[in-house]
Amino acid sequence: MKNGTNDRIRAIEVADLRQKGRFGACKAFRFTVKITSRGVRILVNLQGLF
């Protein structure tokens, strides 16, 4: 489970770099990733929408 989470975090960071210029909200989501690990799962779903 931990290894899978790390892979997801990496994917989120990569997506953040790609969408940094497009969606300013990604920055706010990135803060959530650092604050809570549960936010990571929610972010994965949000990233899928974009």
N, C-alpha and C. Protein backbone atom coordinates (compact mmCIF):
# COMPACT_ATOMS: atom_id res chain seq x y z
N MET A 1 0.85 -1.20 0.00
CA MET A 1 0.00 0.00 0.00
C MET A 1 0.89 1.25 0.00
N LYS A 2 1.94 1.25 0.81
CA LYS A 2 2.80 2.44 0.88
C LYS A 2 3.51 2.67 -0.45
N ASN A 3 4.01 1.59 -1.06
CA ASN A 3 4.69 1.75 -2.35
C ASN A 3 3.74 2.31 -3.40
N GLY A 4 2.53 1.82 -3.43
CA GLY A 4 1.54 2.32 -4.40
C GLY A 4 1.25 3.79 -4.16
N THR A 5 1.21 4.18 -2.88
CA THR A 5 0.94 5.59 -2.57
C THR A 5 2.07 6.46 -3.09
N ASN A 6 3.31 6.01 -2.91
CA ASN A 6 4.45 6.80 -3.39
C ASN A 6 4.36 6.97 -4.90
N ASP A 7 4.00 5.92 -5.61
CA ASP A 7 3.86 6.02 -7.08
C ASP A 7 2.79 7.04 -7.44
N ARG A 8 1.70 7.03 -6.69
CA ARG A 8 0.62 7.98 -6.98
C ARG A 8 1.08 9.40 -6.71
N ILE A 9 1.83 9.60 -5.62
CA ILE A 9 2.33 10.94 -5.30
C ILE A 9 3.22 11.43 -6.44
N ARG A 10 4.09 10.56 -6.95
CA ARG A 10 4.96 10.94 -8.07
C ARG A 10 4.12 11.34 -9.27
N ALA A 11 3.10 10.57 -9.58
CA ALA A 11 2.24 10.88 -10.72
C ALA A 11 1.57 12.24 -10.52
N ILE A 12 1.16 12.52 -9.29
CA ILE A 12 0.51 13.80 -9.00
C ILE A 12 1.50 14.94 -9.21
N GLU A 13 2.72 14.78 -8.72
CA GLU A 13 3.72 15.84 -8.88
C GLU A 13 3.98 16.10 -10.36
N VAL A 14 4.09 15.04 -11.14
CA VAL A 14 4.32 15.20 -12.59
C VAL A 14 3.14 15.94 -13.21
N ALA A 15 1.93 15.55 -12.84
CA ALA A 15 0.74 16.21 -13.38
C ALA A 15 0.72 17.67 -12.95
N ASP A 16 1.15 17.94 -11.72
CA ASP A 16 1.18 19.32 -11.23
C ASP A 16 2.09 20.16 -12.11
N LEU A 17 3.27 19.65 -12.42
CA LEU A 17 4.21 20.41 -13.25
C LEU A 17 3.60 20.67 -14.62
N ARG A 18 2.88 19.71 -15.15
CA ARG A 18 2.27 19.86 -16.48
C ARG A 18 1.15 20.90 -16.44
N GLN A 19 0.36 20.87 -15.38
CA GLN A 19 -0.82 21.73 -15.32
C GLN A 19 -0.59 23.01 -14.53
N LYS A 20 0.65 23.25 -14.11
CA LYS A 20 0.93 24.44 -13.30
C LYS A 20 0.43 25.70 -13.99
N GLY A 21 0.76 25.87 -15.25
CA GLY A 21 0.36 27.07 -15.98
C GLY A 21 -1.12 27.08 -16.31
N ARG A 22 -1.73 25.91 -16.44
CA ARG A 22 -3.14 25.84 -16.85
C ARG A 22 -4.09 26.03 -15.68
N PHE A 23 -3.84 25.33 -14.58
CA PHE A 23 -4.76 25.42 -13.44
C PHE A 23 -4.03 25.92 -12.19
N GLY A 24 -4.35 27.14 -11.76
CA GLY A 24 -3.74 27.68 -10.54
C GLY A 24 -4.18 26.90 -9.31
N ALA A 25 -5.33 26.24 -9.42
CA ALA A 25 -5.85 25.47 -8.28
C ALA A 25 -4.93 24.31 -7.93
N CYS A 26 -4.16 23.83 -8.89
CA CYS A 26 -3.25 22.70 -8.63
C CYS A 26 -2.30 23.05 -7.48
N LYS A 27 -1.91 24.32 -7.39
CA LYS A 27 -1.00 24.72 -6.31
C LYS A 27 -1.67 24.48 -4.97
N ALA A 28 -2.93 24.84 -4.85
CA ALA A 28 -3.66 24.63 -3.59
C ALA A 28 -3.75 23.14 -3.30
N PHE A 29 -4.02 22.33 -4.33
CA PHE A 29 -4.12 20.88 -4.15
C PHE A 29 -2.77 20.32 -3.70
N ARG A 30 -1.69 20.86 -4.24
CA ARG A 30 -0.36 20.37 -3.90
C ARG A 30 -0.12 20.55 -2.40
N PHE A 31 -0.57 21.68 -1.84
CA PHE A 31 -0.42 21.91 -0.40
C PHE A 31 -1.13 20.81 0.37
N THR A 32 -2.31 20.41 -0.10
CA THR A 32 -3.07 19.37 0.58
C THR A 32 -2.28 18.06 0.60
N VAL A 33 -1.57 17.78 -0.48
CA VAL A 33 -0.78 16.55 -0.55
C VAL A 33 0.27 16.55 0.55
N LYS A 34 0.93 17.69 0.74
CA LYS A 34 1.99 17.77 1.75
C LYS A 34 1.41 17.68 3.16
N ILE A 35 0.22 18.25 3.36
CA ILE A 35 -0.36 18.30 4.71
C ILE A 35 -0.91 16.93 5.12
N THR A 36 -1.72 16.32 4.26
CA THR A 36 -2.34 15.05 4.65
C THR A 36 -2.14 13.99 3.58
N SER A 37 -1.92 12.76 4.02
CA SER A 37 -1.75 11.66 3.07
C SER A 37 -3.11 11.27 2.48
N ARG A 38 -4.19 11.49 3.24
CA ARG A 38 -5.52 11.16 2.72
C ARG A 38 -5.85 12.07 1.55
N GLY A 39 -5.35 13.30 1.60
CA GLY A 39 -5.61 14.24 0.50
C GLY A 39 -5.04 13.70 -0.80
N VAL A 40 -3.99 12.87 -0.71
CA VAL A 40 -3.37 12.33 -1.91
C VAL A 40 -4.40 11.54 -2.72
N ARG A 41 -5.15 10.68 -2.05
CA ARG A 41 -6.13 9.87 -2.77
C ARG A 41 -7.18 10.76 -3.41
N ILE A 42 -7.63 11.77 -2.70
CA ILE A 42 -8.64 12.69 -3.26
C ILE A 42 -8.05 13.40 -4.47
N LEU A 43 -6.78 13.81 -4.37
CA LEU A 43 -6.13 14.52 -5.47
C LEU A 43 -6.03 13.63 -6.69
N VAL A 44 -5.74 12.36 -6.49
CA VAL A 44 -5.64 11.44 -7.63
C VAL A 44 -6.95 11.46 -8.40
N ASN A 45 -8.07 11.44 -7.70
CA ASN A 45 -9.37 11.47 -8.37
C ASN A 45 -9.57 12.80 -9.08
N LEU A 46 -9.20 13.92 -8.44
CA LEU A 46 -9.37 15.23 -9.06
C LEU A 46 -8.49 15.34 -10.30
N GLN A 47 -7.25 14.86 -10.22
CA GLN A 47 -6.35 14.91 -11.36
C GLN A 47 -6.96 14.15 -12.53
N GLY A 48 -7.64 13.04 -12.24
CA GLY A 48 -8.26 12.25 -13.31
C GLY A 48 -9.30 13.07 -14.07
N LEU A 49 -9.97 13.98 -13.38
CA LEU A 49 -10.98 14.81 -14.04
C LEU A 49 -10.32 15.76 -15.03
N PHE A 50 -9.15 16.28 -14.66
CA PHE A 50 -8.45 17.20 -15.56
C PHE A 50 -7.64 16.40 -16.58
